[in-house]
Amino acid sequence: MSSPNRALVLVDVQQEYFDGPLSIAYPPGSRSLANILDAIATAEANDLPVLVVQHRMPEGAPVFVPGTPGWSLHPEVDKRVEASWKQVHKEYGSIFADTDVADWLREQGVDTITVVGYMINNCDLATLVEAEGLGFAAEVLSDATGAINLANEAGQVSAETVHTTLMVLLQSNFAAVATTADWTEAVKAGTELTKNNLVVSAVQGRAAAGV
């Protein structure tokens, strides 16, 4: 089994997710941010390419307008940005949509993206799903991302339920799910993270439900 060639992808670690209506609820933003910073330190110590992404919306939008405080990277991330990092602004959920990210990753020899940042129920999810069709393996660090409470015409769900559900769903097919600490050990060892598959997850799900 070959060693993965990883890149760390920081998705939208912007102030909108720490103040205001999009504030991350689970895990708490302060906790996920600490793990994001640990992941950055691991990437730098192991010479992994780093991509930092910011979402932007047009003037007049309620959030993510360039130049507003909410659009800015979190200060703890902003002060760690290196000239060697790839920086991208995006307008869609996936980091790949209408950007040169896929080409850049291939130029770096990357075959595996490690996603941290926000939100798992939106831009992270869109990115991890699209990665498969572009030929990239994907990883997501469960304690370095987060979800929000949601309610609309379809119902209501807590941030913890959203987060837990998406971790199980992603591990069943689209991405290997791990804590930042376990990922750090895998990076140091040059090993892959363990990912389940849909059939095994379904069988285990039936057993857990007593079916």
N, C-alpha and C. Protein backbone atom coordinates (compact mmCIF):
# COMPACT_ATOMS: atom_id res chain seq x y z
N MET A 1 0.86 -1.19 0.00
CA MET A 1 0.00 0.00 0.00
C MET A 1 0.89 1.24 0.00
N SER A 2 0.70 2.12 -0.97
CA SER A 2 1.55 3.30 -1.10
C SER A 2 1.17 4.34 -0.06
N SER A 3 2.14 5.17 0.29
CA SER A 3 1.89 6.24 1.25
C SER A 3 1.10 7.35 0.58
N PRO A 4 0.06 7.87 1.24
CA PRO A 4 -0.73 8.95 0.62
C PRO A 4 0.07 10.24 0.51
N ASN A 5 -0.15 10.96 -0.57
CA ASN A 5 0.43 12.30 -0.75
C ASN A 5 -0.65 13.31 -0.41
N ARG A 6 -0.59 13.83 0.79
CA ARG A 6 -1.67 14.64 1.33
C ARG A 6 -1.45 16.14 1.10
N ALA A 7 -2.58 16.85 1.09
CA ALA A 7 -2.59 18.30 1.23
C ALA A 7 -3.62 18.62 2.30
N LEU A 8 -3.30 19.60 3.14
CA LEU A 8 -4.25 20.06 4.15
C LEU A 8 -5.09 21.18 3.54
N VAL A 9 -6.41 21.04 3.63
CA VAL A 9 -7.34 22.01 3.05
C VAL A 9 -8.13 22.69 4.16
N LEU A 10 -7.91 23.99 4.33
CA LEU A 10 -8.64 24.79 5.31
C LEU A 10 -9.82 25.45 4.61
N VAL A 11 -11.01 24.96 4.91
CA VAL A 11 -12.21 25.46 4.24
C VAL A 11 -12.88 26.54 5.11
N ASP A 12 -12.88 27.75 4.61
CA ASP A 12 -13.69 28.84 5.18
C ASP A 12 -13.54 29.01 6.70
N VAL A 13 -12.32 29.06 7.18
CA VAL A 13 -12.12 29.32 8.61
C VAL A 13 -12.20 30.83 8.80
N GLN A 14 -13.41 31.33 8.62
CA GLN A 14 -13.68 32.76 8.59
C GLN A 14 -14.49 33.21 9.80
N GLN A 15 -14.45 34.48 10.08
CA GLN A 15 -15.10 35.02 11.27
C GLN A 15 -16.61 34.81 11.28
N GLU A 16 -17.22 34.64 10.11
CA GLU A 16 -18.66 34.39 10.07
C GLU A 16 -19.05 33.19 10.93
N TYR A 17 -18.13 32.24 11.10
CA TYR A 17 -18.44 31.03 11.84
C TYR A 17 -18.15 31.13 13.33
N PHE A 18 -17.72 32.30 13.76
CA PHE A 18 -17.44 32.51 15.18
C PHE A 18 -18.31 33.61 15.78
N ASP A 19 -18.95 34.40 14.95
CA ASP A 19 -19.82 35.48 15.39
C ASP A 19 -21.05 35.51 14.48
N GLY A 20 -22.22 35.66 15.08
CA GLY A 20 -23.41 35.84 14.26
C GLY A 20 -24.19 34.57 13.99
N PRO A 21 -25.09 34.60 13.00
CA PRO A 21 -26.04 33.51 12.79
C PRO A 21 -25.41 32.19 12.36
N LEU A 22 -24.21 32.22 11.83
CA LEU A 22 -23.56 30.99 11.38
C LEU A 22 -22.56 30.45 12.39
N SER A 23 -22.59 30.94 13.61
CA SER A 23 -21.64 30.48 14.63
C SER A 23 -21.74 28.97 14.82
N ILE A 24 -20.59 28.32 14.75
CA ILE A 24 -20.53 26.87 14.89
C ILE A 24 -21.00 26.46 16.27
N ALA A 25 -21.89 25.46 16.31
CA ALA A 25 -22.46 25.01 17.59
C ALA A 25 -21.88 23.70 18.08
N TYR A 26 -21.50 22.80 17.17
CA TYR A 26 -20.97 21.50 17.60
C TYR A 26 -19.99 20.95 16.58
N PRO A 27 -18.79 20.53 17.05
CA PRO A 27 -18.21 20.87 18.35
C PRO A 27 -18.05 22.39 18.44
N PRO A 28 -17.91 22.94 19.65
CA PRO A 28 -17.78 24.39 19.79
C PRO A 28 -16.66 24.93 18.92
N GLY A 29 -16.86 26.14 18.40
CA GLY A 29 -15.88 26.72 17.51
C GLY A 29 -14.49 26.83 18.10
N SER A 30 -14.40 27.14 19.38
CA SER A 30 -13.09 27.27 20.02
C SER A 30 -12.34 25.94 20.02
N ARG A 31 -13.08 24.85 20.19
CA ARG A 31 -12.44 23.52 20.21
C ARG A 31 -11.99 23.12 18.81
N SER A 32 -12.86 23.31 17.83
CA SER A 32 -12.46 22.93 16.46
C SER A 32 -11.33 23.81 15.96
N LEU A 33 -11.33 25.08 16.32
CA LEU A 33 -10.25 25.97 15.91
C LEU A 33 -8.91 25.49 16.47
N ALA A 34 -8.88 25.09 17.73
CA ALA A 34 -7.64 24.59 18.32
C ALA A 34 -7.11 23.40 17.55
N ASN A 35 -8.00 22.53 17.11
CA ASN A 35 -7.57 21.36 16.34
C ASN A 35 -7.13 21.74 14.93
N ILE A 36 -7.76 22.75 14.35
CA ILE A 36 -7.32 23.25 13.05
C ILE A 36 -5.88 23.76 13.15
N LEU A 37 -5.59 24.48 14.21
CA LEU A 37 -4.23 25.00 14.40
C LEU A 37 -3.24 23.86 14.60
N ASP A 38 -3.66 22.81 15.30
CA ASP A 38 -2.79 21.64 15.45
C ASP A 38 -2.53 20.97 14.10
N ALA A 39 -3.58 20.89 13.27
CA ALA A 39 -3.42 20.29 11.94
C ALA A 39 -2.46 21.11 11.09
N ILE A 40 -2.54 22.43 11.20
CA ILE A 40 -1.61 23.30 10.47
C ILE A 40 -0.18 23.01 10.91
N ALA A 41 0.03 22.89 12.22
CA ALA A 41 1.37 22.62 12.73
C ALA A 41 1.89 21.29 12.21
N THR A 42 1.03 20.28 12.15
CA THR A 42 1.43 18.98 11.61
C THR A 42 1.79 19.10 10.14
N ALA A 43 0.98 19.82 9.38
CA ALA A 43 1.25 19.99 7.95
C ALA A 43 2.59 20.67 7.73
N GLU A 44 2.86 21.70 8.49
CA GLU A 44 4.12 22.43 8.33
C GLU A 44 5.31 21.56 8.74
N ALA A 45 5.16 20.79 9.81
CA ALA A 45 6.26 19.96 10.28
C ALA A 45 6.57 18.82 9.32
N ASN A 46 5.59 18.46 8.50
CA ASN A 46 5.77 17.33 7.58
C ASN A 46 5.74 17.75 6.11
N ASP A 47 5.90 19.04 5.86
CA ASP A 47 6.00 19.58 4.50
C ASP A 47 4.82 19.23 3.61
N LEU A 48 3.62 19.27 4.19
CA LEU A 48 2.43 19.05 3.38
C LEU A 48 1.99 20.36 2.73
N PRO A 49 1.57 20.32 1.48
CA PRO A 49 0.98 21.53 0.88
C PRO A 49 -0.26 21.95 1.66
N VAL A 50 -0.47 23.25 1.75
CA VAL A 50 -1.62 23.78 2.47
C VAL A 50 -2.42 24.69 1.55
N LEU A 51 -3.73 24.48 1.54
CA LEU A 51 -4.66 25.30 0.77
C LEU A 51 -5.60 25.98 1.74
N VAL A 52 -5.73 27.29 1.64
CA VAL A 52 -6.66 28.02 2.50
C VAL A 52 -7.71 28.69 1.61
N VAL A 53 -8.96 28.42 1.93
CA VAL A 53 -10.09 28.84 1.09
C VAL A 53 -10.97 29.82 1.87
N GLN A 54 -11.45 30.85 1.18
CA GLN A 54 -12.42 31.78 1.75
C GLN A 54 -13.63 31.88 0.84
N HIS A 55 -14.81 31.78 1.45
CA HIS A 55 -16.04 31.95 0.69
C HIS A 55 -16.34 33.43 0.54
N ARG A 56 -16.86 33.81 -0.62
CA ARG A 56 -17.22 35.20 -0.83
C ARG A 56 -18.59 35.31 -1.48
N MET A 57 -19.29 36.38 -1.13
CA MET A 57 -20.58 36.68 -1.72
C MET A 57 -20.60 38.14 -2.16
N PRO A 58 -21.53 38.51 -3.04
CA PRO A 58 -21.52 39.88 -3.59
C PRO A 58 -21.96 40.93 -2.58
N GLU A 59 -21.63 42.16 -2.88
CA GLU A 59 -22.04 43.30 -2.05
C GLU A 59 -23.54 43.25 -1.81
N GLY A 60 -23.93 43.45 -0.56
CA GLY A 60 -25.34 43.43 -0.21
C GLY A 60 -25.80 42.11 0.39
N ALA A 61 -24.99 41.07 0.25
CA ALA A 61 -25.33 39.77 0.85
C ALA A 61 -25.20 39.87 2.37
N PRO A 62 -25.92 39.01 3.10
CA PRO A 62 -25.89 39.12 4.57
C PRO A 62 -24.59 38.62 5.20
N VAL A 63 -23.85 37.79 4.50
CA VAL A 63 -22.60 37.23 5.04
C VAL A 63 -21.57 37.09 3.93
N PHE A 64 -20.30 36.94 4.34
CA PHE A 64 -19.18 36.63 3.44
C PHE A 64 -18.92 37.68 2.36
N VAL A 65 -19.17 38.93 2.68
CA VAL A 65 -18.87 39.99 1.73
C VAL A 65 -17.42 40.43 1.94
N PRO A 66 -16.57 40.35 0.89
CA PRO A 66 -15.18 40.76 1.04
C PRO A 66 -15.05 42.16 1.62
N GLY A 67 -14.12 42.30 2.55
CA GLY A 67 -13.89 43.58 3.20
C GLY A 67 -14.63 43.75 4.50
N THR A 68 -15.62 42.90 4.76
CA THR A 68 -16.33 42.97 6.04
C THR A 68 -15.61 42.11 7.07
N PRO A 69 -15.81 42.39 8.36
CA PRO A 69 -15.12 41.61 9.40
C PRO A 69 -15.41 40.11 9.31
N GLY A 70 -16.65 39.75 9.00
CA GLY A 70 -17.00 38.34 8.95
C GLY A 70 -16.32 37.57 7.85
N TRP A 71 -15.93 38.27 6.78
CA TRP A 71 -15.28 37.60 5.66
C TRP A 71 -13.84 37.21 5.98
N SER A 72 -13.25 37.89 6.92
CA SER A 72 -11.83 37.68 7.23
C SER A 72 -11.57 36.30 7.78
N LEU A 73 -10.38 35.78 7.51
CA LEU A 73 -9.94 34.57 8.18
C LEU A 73 -9.89 34.81 9.69
N HIS A 74 -10.09 33.76 10.47
CA HIS A 74 -9.91 33.90 11.90
C HIS A 74 -8.48 34.38 12.15
N PRO A 75 -8.29 35.32 13.07
CA PRO A 75 -6.94 35.88 13.29
C PRO A 75 -5.87 34.85 13.58
N GLU A 76 -6.23 33.76 14.27
CA GLU A 76 -5.24 32.74 14.60
C GLU A 76 -4.78 31.97 13.36
N VAL A 77 -5.65 31.90 12.38
CA VAL A 77 -5.26 31.29 11.10
C VAL A 77 -4.52 32.31 10.24
N ASP A 78 -5.07 33.51 10.20
CA ASP A 78 -4.50 34.55 9.35
C ASP A 78 -3.02 34.79 9.66
N LYS A 79 -2.66 34.79 10.92
CA LYS A 79 -1.27 35.08 11.26
C LYS A 79 -0.33 33.92 10.98
N ARG A 80 -0.90 32.75 10.65
CA ARG A 80 -0.08 31.59 10.31
C ARG A 80 0.08 31.37 8.81
N VAL A 81 -0.63 32.15 8.02
CA VAL A 81 -0.57 31.97 6.56
C VAL A 81 0.85 32.22 6.05
N GLU A 82 1.33 31.27 5.25
CA GLU A 82 2.67 31.36 4.67
C GLU A 82 2.57 31.68 3.18
N ALA A 83 3.63 32.26 2.64
CA ALA A 83 3.65 32.60 1.22
C ALA A 83 3.50 31.36 0.35
N SER A 84 3.93 30.22 0.85
CA SER A 84 3.87 28.98 0.08
C SER A 84 2.47 28.39 0.01
N TRP A 85 1.57 28.86 0.85
CA TRP A 85 0.21 28.34 0.84
C TRP A 85 -0.53 28.81 -0.41
N LYS A 86 -1.39 27.94 -0.89
CA LYS A 86 -2.30 28.31 -1.97
C LYS A 86 -3.53 28.97 -1.35
N GLN A 87 -3.92 30.15 -1.82
CA GLN A 87 -5.10 30.84 -1.32
C GLN A 87 -6.12 31.00 -2.44
N VAL A 88 -7.36 30.66 -2.13
CA VAL A 88 -8.43 30.66 -3.12
C VAL A 88 -9.68 31.30 -2.53
N HIS A 89 -10.40 32.05 -3.35
CA HIS A 89 -11.72 32.54 -3.00
C HIS A 89 -12.73 31.76 -3.83
N LYS A 90 -13.81 31.33 -3.20
CA LYS A 90 -14.81 30.54 -3.92
C LYS A 90 -16.19 31.15 -3.76
N GLU A 91 -17.08 30.77 -4.68
CA GLU A 91 -18.44 31.30 -4.66
C GLU A 91 -19.48 30.19 -4.53
N TYR A 92 -19.03 28.94 -4.55
CA TYR A 92 -19.94 27.80 -4.43
C TYR A 92 -19.53 26.97 -3.21
N GLY A 93 -20.32 25.94 -2.91
CA GLY A 93 -20.01 25.12 -1.76
C GLY A 93 -18.69 24.40 -1.88
N SER A 94 -18.49 23.69 -2.97
CA SER A 94 -17.26 22.91 -3.17
C SER A 94 -16.08 23.81 -3.49
N ILE A 95 -14.93 23.47 -2.94
CA ILE A 95 -13.70 24.21 -3.24
C ILE A 95 -13.27 24.02 -4.69
N PHE A 96 -13.82 23.00 -5.35
CA PHE A 96 -13.42 22.70 -6.72
C PHE A 96 -14.22 23.48 -7.76
N ALA A 97 -15.40 23.96 -7.39
CA ALA A 97 -16.31 24.58 -8.35
C ALA A 97 -15.80 25.94 -8.81
N ASP A 98 -15.50 26.05 -10.08
CA ASP A 98 -15.07 27.31 -10.69
C ASP A 98 -13.78 27.85 -10.07
N THR A 99 -12.88 26.94 -9.67
CA THR A 99 -11.55 27.32 -9.17
C THR A 99 -10.51 26.46 -9.88
N ASP A 100 -9.23 26.76 -9.62
CA ASP A 100 -8.14 25.95 -10.18
C ASP A 100 -7.57 24.97 -9.17
N VAL A 101 -8.34 24.68 -8.11
CA VAL A 101 -7.84 23.85 -7.02
C VAL A 101 -7.44 22.46 -7.49
N ALA A 102 -8.27 21.80 -8.29
CA ALA A 102 -7.95 20.44 -8.74
C ALA A 102 -6.63 20.43 -9.51
N ASP A 103 -6.44 21.39 -10.39
CA ASP A 103 -5.20 21.46 -11.17
C ASP A 103 -4.00 21.69 -10.25
N TRP A 104 -4.16 22.59 -9.28
CA TRP A 104 -3.06 22.86 -8.35
C TRP A 104 -2.69 21.62 -7.54
N LEU A 105 -3.69 20.90 -7.06
CA LEU A 105 -3.42 19.69 -6.29
C LEU A 105 -2.64 18.67 -7.12
N ARG A 106 -3.05 18.50 -8.37
CA ARG A 106 -2.34 17.55 -9.24
C ARG A 106 -0.90 18.01 -9.49
N GLU A 107 -0.71 19.32 -9.65
CA GLU A 107 0.65 19.84 -9.84
C GLU A 107 1.54 19.56 -8.64
N GLN A 108 0.95 19.52 -7.45
CA GLN A 108 1.70 19.23 -6.24
C GLN A 108 1.90 17.73 -6.00
N GLY A 109 1.33 16.92 -6.89
CA GLY A 109 1.42 15.47 -6.71
C GLY A 109 0.51 14.93 -5.63
N VAL A 110 -0.51 15.69 -5.27
CA VAL A 110 -1.42 15.30 -4.19
C VAL A 110 -2.45 14.29 -4.70
N ASP A 111 -2.65 13.24 -3.91
CA ASP A 111 -3.72 12.29 -4.23
C ASP A 111 -4.76 12.20 -3.12
N THR A 112 -4.51 12.87 -1.99
CA THR A 112 -5.41 12.79 -0.84
C THR A 112 -5.56 14.17 -0.21
N ILE A 113 -6.81 14.63 -0.08
CA ILE A 113 -7.05 15.90 0.59
C ILE A 113 -7.54 15.65 2.02
N THR A 114 -7.03 16.44 2.94
CA THR A 114 -7.49 16.39 4.34
C THR A 114 -8.24 17.68 4.61
N VAL A 115 -9.53 17.57 4.87
CA VAL A 115 -10.40 18.73 5.00
C VAL A 115 -10.64 19.07 6.48
N VAL A 116 -10.41 20.35 6.79
CA VAL A 116 -10.80 20.91 8.08
C VAL A 116 -11.53 22.22 7.79
N GLY A 117 -12.24 22.74 8.78
CA GLY A 117 -12.94 24.00 8.58
C GLY A 117 -14.44 23.83 8.53
N TYR A 118 -15.11 24.76 7.88
CA TYR A 118 -16.56 24.89 8.07
C TYR A 118 -17.34 25.03 6.76
N MET A 119 -18.60 24.65 6.78
CA MET A 119 -19.23 23.79 7.78
C MET A 119 -19.27 22.37 7.23
N ILE A 120 -19.32 21.41 8.13
CA ILE A 120 -19.38 20.02 7.67
C ILE A 120 -20.66 19.77 6.90
N ASN A 121 -21.74 20.50 7.25
CA ASN A 121 -23.04 20.28 6.60
C ASN A 121 -23.21 21.11 5.33
N ASN A 122 -22.16 21.76 4.87
CA ASN A 122 -22.31 22.53 3.64
C ASN A 122 -21.05 22.43 2.77
N CYS A 123 -20.11 23.32 2.95
CA CYS A 123 -18.95 23.37 2.05
C CYS A 123 -18.02 22.18 2.21
N ASP A 124 -17.84 21.71 3.44
CA ASP A 124 -17.01 20.51 3.62
C ASP A 124 -17.64 19.32 2.91
N LEU A 125 -18.93 19.14 3.12
CA LEU A 125 -19.64 18.01 2.51
C LEU A 125 -19.56 18.08 0.99
N ALA A 126 -19.82 19.25 0.42
CA ALA A 126 -19.78 19.41 -1.04
C ALA A 126 -18.39 19.09 -1.58
N THR A 127 -17.37 19.52 -0.87
CA THR A 127 -15.98 19.28 -1.29
C THR A 127 -15.63 17.81 -1.24
N LEU A 128 -15.98 17.15 -0.15
CA LEU A 128 -15.64 15.74 0.04
C LEU A 128 -16.35 14.85 -0.98
N VAL A 129 -17.57 15.18 -1.31
CA VAL A 129 -18.31 14.41 -2.32
C VAL A 129 -17.71 14.62 -3.71
N GLU A 130 -17.40 15.86 -4.06
CA GLU A 130 -16.87 16.13 -5.40
C GLU A 130 -15.47 15.54 -5.59
N ALA A 131 -14.71 15.42 -4.52
CA ALA A 131 -13.35 14.90 -4.62
C ALA A 131 -13.31 13.53 -5.28
N GLU A 132 -14.30 12.70 -4.97
CA GLU A 132 -14.33 11.34 -5.51
C GLU A 132 -14.32 11.36 -7.04
N GLY A 133 -15.19 12.17 -7.64
CA GLY A 133 -15.28 12.22 -9.09
C GLY A 133 -14.06 12.81 -9.76
N LEU A 134 -13.27 13.56 -9.00
CA LEU A 134 -12.05 14.16 -9.54
C LEU A 134 -10.82 13.29 -9.31
N GLY A 135 -11.02 12.16 -8.66
CA GLY A 135 -9.92 11.21 -8.48
C GLY A 135 -9.07 11.42 -7.24
N PHE A 136 -9.56 12.21 -6.28
CA PHE A 136 -8.82 12.42 -5.04
C PHE A 136 -9.43 11.60 -3.92
N ALA A 137 -8.57 10.94 -3.14
CA ALA A 137 -9.04 10.36 -1.89
C ALA A 137 -9.27 11.50 -0.92
N ALA A 138 -10.14 11.28 0.07
CA ALA A 138 -10.49 12.36 0.98
C ALA A 138 -10.47 11.91 2.42
N GLU A 139 -10.07 12.83 3.28
CA GLU A 139 -10.09 12.65 4.72
C GLU A 139 -10.76 13.87 5.34
N VAL A 140 -11.42 13.68 6.47
CA VAL A 140 -11.98 14.81 7.20
C VAL A 140 -11.69 14.60 8.68
N LEU A 141 -11.27 15.67 9.34
CA LEU A 141 -10.94 15.59 10.76
C LEU A 141 -12.17 16.00 11.57
N SER A 142 -12.75 15.04 12.25
CA SER A 142 -14.05 15.23 12.89
C SER A 142 -14.05 16.32 13.95
N ASP A 143 -12.92 16.50 14.64
CA ASP A 143 -12.86 17.50 15.70
C ASP A 143 -12.26 18.82 15.23
N ALA A 144 -12.05 18.95 13.93
CA ALA A 144 -11.52 20.19 13.36
C ALA A 144 -12.49 20.78 12.35
N THR A 145 -13.74 20.41 12.48
CA THR A 145 -14.81 21.01 11.69
C THR A 145 -16.00 21.17 12.61
N GLY A 146 -17.15 21.59 12.08
CA GLY A 146 -18.29 21.78 12.95
C GLY A 146 -19.57 21.98 12.17
N ALA A 147 -20.68 21.94 12.91
CA ALA A 147 -22.01 22.08 12.32
C ALA A 147 -22.80 23.12 13.10
N ILE A 148 -23.93 23.52 12.51
CA ILE A 148 -24.84 24.45 13.16
C ILE A 148 -26.20 23.78 13.36
N ASN A 149 -26.99 24.32 14.28
CA ASN A 149 -28.37 23.88 14.43
C ASN A 149 -29.16 24.32 13.20
N LEU A 150 -30.05 23.46 12.75
CA LEU A 150 -30.82 23.77 11.54
C LEU A 150 -32.32 23.58 11.78
N ALA A 151 -33.11 24.45 11.20
CA ALA A 151 -34.56 24.31 11.22
C ALA A 151 -35.12 24.98 9.97
N ASN A 152 -36.04 24.28 9.31
CA ASN A 152 -36.71 24.83 8.13
C ASN A 152 -37.99 24.07 7.88
N GLU A 153 -38.53 24.21 6.67
CA GLU A 153 -39.81 23.56 6.37
C GLU A 153 -39.76 22.04 6.47
N ALA A 154 -38.59 21.47 6.36
CA ALA A 154 -38.45 20.01 6.42
C ALA A 154 -38.32 19.47 7.84
N GLY A 155 -38.08 20.35 8.80
CA GLY A 155 -37.95 19.90 10.18
C GLY A 155 -36.87 20.63 10.94
N GLN A 156 -36.45 20.03 12.04
CA GLN A 156 -35.46 20.65 12.92
C GLN A 156 -34.46 19.59 13.36
N VAL A 157 -33.18 19.97 13.44
CA VAL A 157 -32.15 19.01 13.84
C VAL A 157 -31.04 19.78 14.56
N SER A 158 -30.49 19.16 15.59
CA SER A 158 -29.44 19.80 16.37
C SER A 158 -28.10 19.70 15.65
N ALA A 159 -27.20 20.61 15.98
CA ALA A 159 -25.86 20.59 15.40
C ALA A 159 -25.14 19.29 15.71
N GLU A 160 -25.32 18.77 16.92
CA GLU A 160 -24.65 17.52 17.28
C GLU A 160 -25.15 16.37 16.42
N THR A 161 -26.46 16.32 16.18
CA THR A 161 -27.01 15.26 15.34
C THR A 161 -26.53 15.41 13.90
N VAL A 162 -26.53 16.63 13.40
CA VAL A 162 -26.03 16.89 12.04
C VAL A 162 -24.60 16.39 11.92
N HIS A 163 -23.76 16.79 12.85
CA HIS A 163 -22.33 16.45 12.80
C HIS A 163 -22.13 14.94 12.88
N THR A 164 -22.75 14.30 13.86
CA THR A 164 -22.58 12.85 14.04
C THR A 164 -23.08 12.09 12.82
N THR A 165 -24.24 12.49 12.31
CA THR A 165 -24.80 11.81 11.14
C THR A 165 -23.87 11.92 9.94
N LEU A 166 -23.33 13.11 9.71
CA LEU A 166 -22.47 13.29 8.54
C LEU A 166 -21.13 12.57 8.70
N MET A 167 -20.62 12.47 9.92
CA MET A 167 -19.39 11.71 10.12
C MET A 167 -19.61 10.24 9.75
N VAL A 168 -20.73 9.68 10.19
CA VAL A 168 -21.04 8.28 9.87
C VAL A 168 -21.25 8.12 8.37
N LEU A 169 -21.99 9.04 7.77
CA LEU A 169 -22.24 8.97 6.33
C LEU A 169 -20.95 9.06 5.53
N LEU A 170 -20.10 10.01 5.86
CA LEU A 170 -18.85 10.17 5.10
C LEU A 170 -17.95 8.96 5.26
N GLN A 171 -17.84 8.43 6.48
CA GLN A 171 -16.99 7.27 6.72
C GLN A 171 -17.49 6.04 5.96
N SER A 172 -18.78 6.02 5.64
CA SER A 172 -19.35 4.87 4.94
C SER A 172 -19.00 4.86 3.45
N ASN A 173 -18.47 5.99 2.93
CA ASN A 173 -18.22 5.99 1.49
C ASN A 173 -17.25 7.06 1.02
N PHE A 174 -17.48 8.32 1.37
CA PHE A 174 -16.80 9.42 0.69
C PHE A 174 -15.45 9.82 1.29
N ALA A 175 -15.24 9.59 2.58
CA ALA A 175 -14.02 10.09 3.21
C ALA A 175 -13.67 9.28 4.44
N ALA A 176 -12.39 9.18 4.71
CA ALA A 176 -11.94 8.60 5.97
C ALA A 176 -12.09 9.65 7.05
N VAL A 177 -12.72 9.28 8.15
CA VAL A 177 -12.97 10.19 9.26
C VAL A 177 -12.02 9.87 10.40
N ALA A 178 -11.37 10.89 10.95
CA ALA A 178 -10.43 10.68 12.04
C ALA A 178 -10.35 11.92 12.91
N THR A 179 -9.85 11.75 14.12
CA THR A 179 -9.54 12.90 14.95
C THR A 179 -8.24 13.53 14.47
N THR A 180 -7.99 14.74 14.88
CA THR A 180 -6.75 15.40 14.51
C THR A 180 -5.54 14.65 15.05
N ALA A 181 -5.65 14.13 16.27
CA ALA A 181 -4.54 13.38 16.86
C ALA A 181 -4.23 12.12 16.07
N ASP A 182 -5.27 11.38 15.67
CA ASP A 182 -5.04 10.15 14.90
C ASP A 182 -4.49 10.46 13.51
N TRP A 183 -4.98 11.55 12.91
CA TRP A 183 -4.45 11.95 11.60
C TRP A 183 -2.99 12.34 11.70
N THR A 184 -2.63 13.04 12.76
CA THR A 184 -1.24 13.44 12.96
C THR A 184 -0.33 12.23 13.01
N GLU A 185 -0.75 11.20 13.71
CA GLU A 185 0.05 9.97 13.78
C GLU A 185 0.16 9.32 12.41
N ALA A 186 -0.92 9.33 11.64
CA ALA A 186 -0.90 8.75 10.30
C ALA A 186 0.03 9.53 9.38
N VAL A 187 0.02 10.85 9.51
CA VAL A 187 0.92 11.68 8.70
C VAL A 187 2.37 11.35 9.03
N LYS A 188 2.69 11.28 10.30
CA LYS A 188 4.06 10.98 10.72
C LYS A 188 4.52 9.61 10.22
N ALA A 189 3.58 8.66 10.23
CA ALA A 189 3.92 7.30 9.81
C ALA A 189 3.82 7.10 8.30
N GLY A 190 3.21 8.06 7.60
CA GLY A 190 3.02 7.92 6.16
C GLY A 190 2.01 6.87 5.79
N THR A 191 0.99 6.69 6.64
CA THR A 191 0.00 5.63 6.42
C THR A 191 -1.37 6.22 6.11
N GLU A 192 -2.21 5.39 5.49
CA GLU A 192 -3.58 5.80 5.21
C GLU A 192 -4.44 5.69 6.45
N LEU A 193 -5.52 6.46 6.47
CA LEU A 193 -6.54 6.29 7.50
C LEU A 193 -7.52 5.20 7.05
N THR A 194 -8.12 4.56 8.01
CA THR A 194 -9.08 3.50 7.69
C THR A 194 -10.43 4.10 7.31
N LYS A 195 -10.94 3.68 6.15
CA LYS A 195 -12.27 4.10 5.70
C LYS A 195 -13.14 2.87 5.52
N ASN A 196 -14.38 2.96 5.93
CA ASN A 196 -15.32 1.86 5.77
C ASN A 196 -15.88 1.89 4.35
N ASN A 197 -16.90 1.12 4.07
CA ASN A 197 -17.59 1.19 2.79
C ASN A 197 -19.08 1.02 3.01
N LEU A 198 -19.85 1.29 1.98
CA LEU A 198 -21.30 1.35 2.13
C LEU A 198 -21.90 0.00 2.50
N VAL A 199 -21.39 -1.09 1.91
CA VAL A 199 -21.96 -2.41 2.19
C VAL A 199 -21.69 -2.82 3.63
N VAL A 200 -20.44 -2.69 4.06
CA VAL A 200 -20.11 -3.06 5.44
C VAL A 200 -20.86 -2.18 6.43
N SER A 201 -20.92 -0.88 6.13
CA SER A 201 -21.65 0.02 7.01
C SER A 201 -23.13 -0.34 7.09
N ALA A 202 -23.70 -0.76 5.96
CA ALA A 202 -25.11 -1.17 5.95
C ALA A 202 -25.33 -2.42 6.78
N VAL A 203 -24.44 -3.39 6.64
CA VAL A 203 -24.56 -4.63 7.42
C VAL A 203 -24.44 -4.33 8.91
N GLN A 204 -23.46 -3.51 9.26
CA GLN A 204 -23.27 -3.15 10.66
C GLN A 204 -24.45 -2.33 11.17
N GLY A 205 -25.03 -1.50 10.30
CA GLY A 205 -26.19 -0.72 10.67
C GLY A 205 -27.40 -1.60 10.96
N ARG A 206 -27.58 -2.63 10.13
CA ARG A 206 -28.70 -3.56 10.38
C ARG A 206 -28.52 -4.28 11.71
N ALA A 207 -27.28 -4.69 11.98
CA ALA A 207 -27.01 -5.40 13.24
C ALA A 207 -27.26 -4.48 14.43
N ALA A 208 -26.82 -3.23 14.31
CA ALA A 208 -27.00 -2.28 15.41
C ALA A 208 -28.47 -2.00 15.67
N ALA A 209 -29.28 -2.06 14.59
CA ALA A 209 -30.72 -1.81 14.72
C ALA A 209 -31.49 -3.06 15.09
N GLY A 210 -30.78 -4.18 15.20
CA GLY A 210 -31.43 -5.44 15.55
C GLY A 210 -32.25 -6.03 14.43
N VAL A 211 -31.91 -5.69 13.19
CA VAL A 211 -32.68 -6.20 12.04
C VAL A 211 -32.15 -7.56 11.60
